[in-house]
Amino acid sequence: MGAVGRGAGFKMLVNGMLAQTMLMFSETLLMGEKMGLDRDFLLDTLPALPVAASFLGAKAELIRHGEFEARFPLELMHKDLRLLQRTKPAIGRRLRRL
């Protein structure tokens, strides 16, 4: 990754994408069900769309089988999202100088 800290920064970025992806998948699944769409149809179709992250197929199967155990503790995801939020102003200042 290069200089000290870049690996940790990259991990924050990846976890930020993961959080956003899981949020949108769960909200889309719930909204689809509320619209009357079949849950199995949604679990089969949404992860297969070209705009879907590749790991969503595995997540869909866990949901289908009622397995909702956290694979990544929410506290750690919150930590990474807070770090991203705190980092954003410093990055914005650097971009304005360019």
C-alpha atoms as a PDB file:
ATOM      1  CA  MET A   1       0.000   0.000   0.000  1.00  0.00           C
ATOM      2  CA  GLY A   2       2.958   2.303   0.413  1.00  0.00           C
ATOM      3  CA  ALA A   3       3.464   4.700   3.328  1.00  0.00           C
ATOM      4  CA  VAL A   4       2.483   3.858   6.885  1.00  0.00           C
ATOM      5  CA  GLY A   5      -1.267   4.249   7.382  1.00  0.00           C
ATOM      6  CA  ARG A   6      -2.315   3.665   3.793  1.00  0.00           C
ATOM      7  CA  GLY A   7      -3.371   0.078   4.503  1.00  0.00           C
ATOM      8  CA  ALA A   8      -5.594   1.232   7.353  1.00  0.00           C
ATOM      9  CA  GLY A   9      -7.014   3.970   5.132  1.00  0.00           C
ATOM     10  CA  PHE A  10      -7.776   1.481   2.392  1.00  0.00           C
ATOM     11  CA  LYS A  11      -9.488  -0.823   4.925  1.00  0.00           C
ATOM     12  CA  MET A  12     -11.717   2.090   5.971  1.00  0.00           C
ATOM     13  CA  LEU A  13     -12.675   2.701   2.336  1.00  0.00           C
ATOM     14  CA  VAL A  14     -13.498  -0.961   1.731  1.00  0.00           C
ATOM     15  CA  ASN A  15     -15.560  -1.192   4.907  1.00  0.00           C
ATOM     16  CA  GLY A  16     -17.379   1.999   3.931  1.00  0.00           C
ATOM     17  CA  MET A  17     -18.326   0.399   0.617  1.00  0.00           C
ATOM     18  CA  LEU A  18     -19.376  -2.767   2.428  1.00  0.00           C
ATOM     19  CA  ALA A  19     -21.602  -0.812   4.804  1.00  0.00           C
ATOM     20  CA  GLN A  20     -23.257   1.111   1.969  1.00  0.00           C
ATOM     21  CA  THR A  21     -23.784  -2.039  -0.072  1.00  0.00           C
ATOM     22  CA  MET A  22     -25.362  -3.966   2.797  1.00  0.00           C
ATOM     23  CA  LEU A  23     -27.564  -0.998   3.701  1.00  0.00           C
ATOM     24  CA  MET A  24     -28.844  -0.614   0.144  1.00  0.00           C
ATOM     25  CA  PHE A  25     -29.374  -4.368  -0.304  1.00  0.00           C
ATOM     26  CA  SER A  26     -31.362  -4.720   2.913  1.00  0.00           C
ATOM     27  CA  GLU A  27     -33.416  -1.583   2.237  1.00  0.00           C
ATOM     28  CA  THR A  28     -34.089  -2.640  -1.356  1.00  0.00           C
ATOM     29  CA  LEU A  29     -35.116  -6.125  -0.268  1.00  0.00           C
ATOM     30  CA  LEU A  30     -37.482  -4.750   2.370  1.00  0.00           C
ATOM     31  CA  MET A  31     -38.954  -2.146   0.019  1.00  0.00           C
ATOM     32  CA  GLY A  32     -39.476  -4.795  -2.673  1.00  0.00           C
ATOM     33  CA  GLU A  33     -41.326  -6.996  -0.208  1.00  0.00           C
ATOM     34  CA  LYS A  34     -43.481  -4.042   0.903  1.00  0.00           C
ATOM     35  CA  MET A  35     -44.308  -3.449  -2.784  1.00  0.00           C
ATOM     36  CA  GLY A  36     -45.637  -6.998  -2.956  1.00  0.00           C
ATOM     37  CA  LEU A  37     -42.724  -8.601  -4.783  1.00  0.00           C
ATOM     38  CA  ASP A  38     -41.906 -12.179  -3.843  1.00  0.00           C
ATOM     39  CA  ARG A  39     -39.001 -12.465  -1.408  1.00  0.00           C
ATOM     40  CA  ASP A  40     -37.457 -15.445  -3.197  1.00  0.00           C
ATOM     41  CA  PHE A  41     -37.651 -13.576  -6.493  1.00  0.00           C
ATOM     42  CA  LEU A  42     -35.832 -10.624  -4.926  1.00  0.00           C
ATOM     43  CA  LEU A  43     -33.209 -12.843  -3.277  1.00  0.00           C
ATOM     44  CA  ASP A  44     -32.589 -14.587  -6.602  1.00  0.00           C
ATOM     45  CA  THR A  45     -32.635 -11.509  -8.797  1.00  0.00           C
ATOM     46  CA  LEU A  46     -31.088  -8.589  -6.890  1.00  0.00           C
ATOM     47  CA  PRO A  47     -27.680 -10.211  -6.262  1.00  0.00           C
ATOM     48  CA  ALA A  48     -27.488 -11.311  -9.905  1.00  0.00           C
ATOM     49  CA  LEU A  49     -27.872  -7.783 -11.291  1.00  0.00           C
ATOM     50  CA  PRO A  50     -24.786  -6.233 -12.895  1.00  0.00           C
ATOM     51  CA  VAL A  51     -24.899  -3.402 -10.335  1.00  0.00           C
ATOM     52  CA  ALA A  52     -24.748  -5.798  -7.365  1.00  0.00           C
ATOM     53  CA  ALA A  53     -21.597  -6.602  -5.389  1.00  0.00           C
ATOM     54  CA  SER A  54     -20.427 -10.184  -5.821  1.00  0.00           C
ATOM     55  CA  PHE A  55     -20.785 -11.083  -2.128  1.00  0.00           C
ATOM     56  CA  LEU A  56     -24.536 -10.356  -2.118  1.00  0.00           C
ATOM     57  CA  GLY A  57     -25.381 -13.813  -3.492  1.00  0.00           C
ATOM     58  CA  ALA A  58     -23.961 -15.423  -0.361  1.00  0.00           C
ATOM     59  CA  LYS A  59     -25.723 -12.866   1.849  1.00  0.00           C
ATOM     60  CA  ALA A  60     -29.013 -13.537   0.044  1.00  0.00           C
ATOM     61  CA  GLU A  61     -28.697 -17.257   0.770  1.00  0.00           C
ATOM     62  CA  LEU A  62     -28.095 -16.578   4.457  1.00  0.00           C
ATOM     63  CA  ILE A  63     -31.197 -14.377   4.547  1.00  0.00           C
ATOM     64  CA  ARG A  64     -33.215 -16.992   2.671  1.00  0.00           C
ATOM     65  CA  HIS A  65     -32.358 -19.545   5.365  1.00  0.00           C
ATOM     66  CA  GLY A  66     -33.066 -17.164   8.264  1.00  0.00           C
ATOM     67  CA  GLU A  67     -29.416 -16.866   9.228  1.00  0.00           C
ATOM     68  CA  PHE A  68     -28.987 -13.307  10.478  1.00  0.00           C
ATOM     69  CA  GLU A  69     -25.936 -13.724  12.692  1.00  0.00           C
ATOM     70  CA  ALA A  70     -23.524 -10.832  12.228  1.00  0.00           C
ATOM     71  CA  ARG A  71     -20.419 -11.730  10.252  1.00  0.00           C
ATOM     72  CA  PHE A  72     -18.790  -8.393  11.082  1.00  0.00           C
ATOM     73  CA  PRO A  73     -19.618  -6.755  14.427  1.00  0.00           C
ATOM     74  CA  LEU A  74     -21.706  -3.613  14.074  1.00  0.00           C
ATOM     75  CA  GLU A  75     -19.505  -1.831  16.613  1.00  0.00           C
ATOM     76  CA  LEU A  76     -16.490  -2.288  14.342  1.00  0.00           C
ATOM     77  CA  MET A  77     -18.422  -1.094  11.295  1.00  0.00           C
ATOM     78  CA  HIS A  78     -19.512   1.994  13.222  1.00  0.00           C
ATOM     79  CA  LYS A  79     -15.876   2.590  14.201  1.00  0.00           C
ATOM     80  CA  ASP A  80     -14.752   2.497  10.565  1.00  0.00           C
ATOM     81  CA  LEU A  81     -17.612   4.741   9.443  1.00  0.00           C
ATOM     82  CA  ARG A  82     -16.792   7.252  12.197  1.00  0.00           C
ATOM     83  CA  LEU A  83     -13.139   7.208  11.125  1.00  0.00           C
ATOM     84  CA  LEU A  84     -14.170   7.842   7.521  1.00  0.00           C
ATOM     85  CA  GLN A  85     -16.403  10.702   8.629  1.00  0.00           C
ATOM     86  CA  ARG A  86     -13.552  12.260  10.632  1.00  0.00           C
ATOM     87  CA  THR A  87     -11.117  11.798   7.747  1.00  0.00           C
ATOM     88  CA  LYS A  88     -13.344  13.427   5.133  1.00  0.00           C
ATOM     89  CA  PRO A  89     -12.746  17.090   6.149  1.00  0.00           C
ATOM     90  CA  ALA A  90      -8.952  16.634   6.053  1.00  0.00           C
ATOM     91  CA  ILE A  91      -9.140  15.030   2.613  1.00  0.00           C
ATOM     92  CA  GLY A  92     -11.412  17.845   1.396  1.00  0.00           C
ATOM     93  CA  ARG A  93      -8.853  20.445   2.499  1.00  0.00           C
ATOM     94  CA  ARG A  94      -6.108  18.590   0.616  1.00  0.00           C
ATOM     95  CA  LEU A  95      -8.226  18.427  -2.556  1.00  0.00           C
ATOM     96  CA  ARG A  96      -8.961  22.159  -2.452  1.00  0.00           C
ATOM     97  CA  ARG A  97      -5.213  22.873  -2.404  1.00  0.00           C
ATOM     98  CA  LEU A  98      -4.626  20.949  -5.639  1.00  0.00           C
END
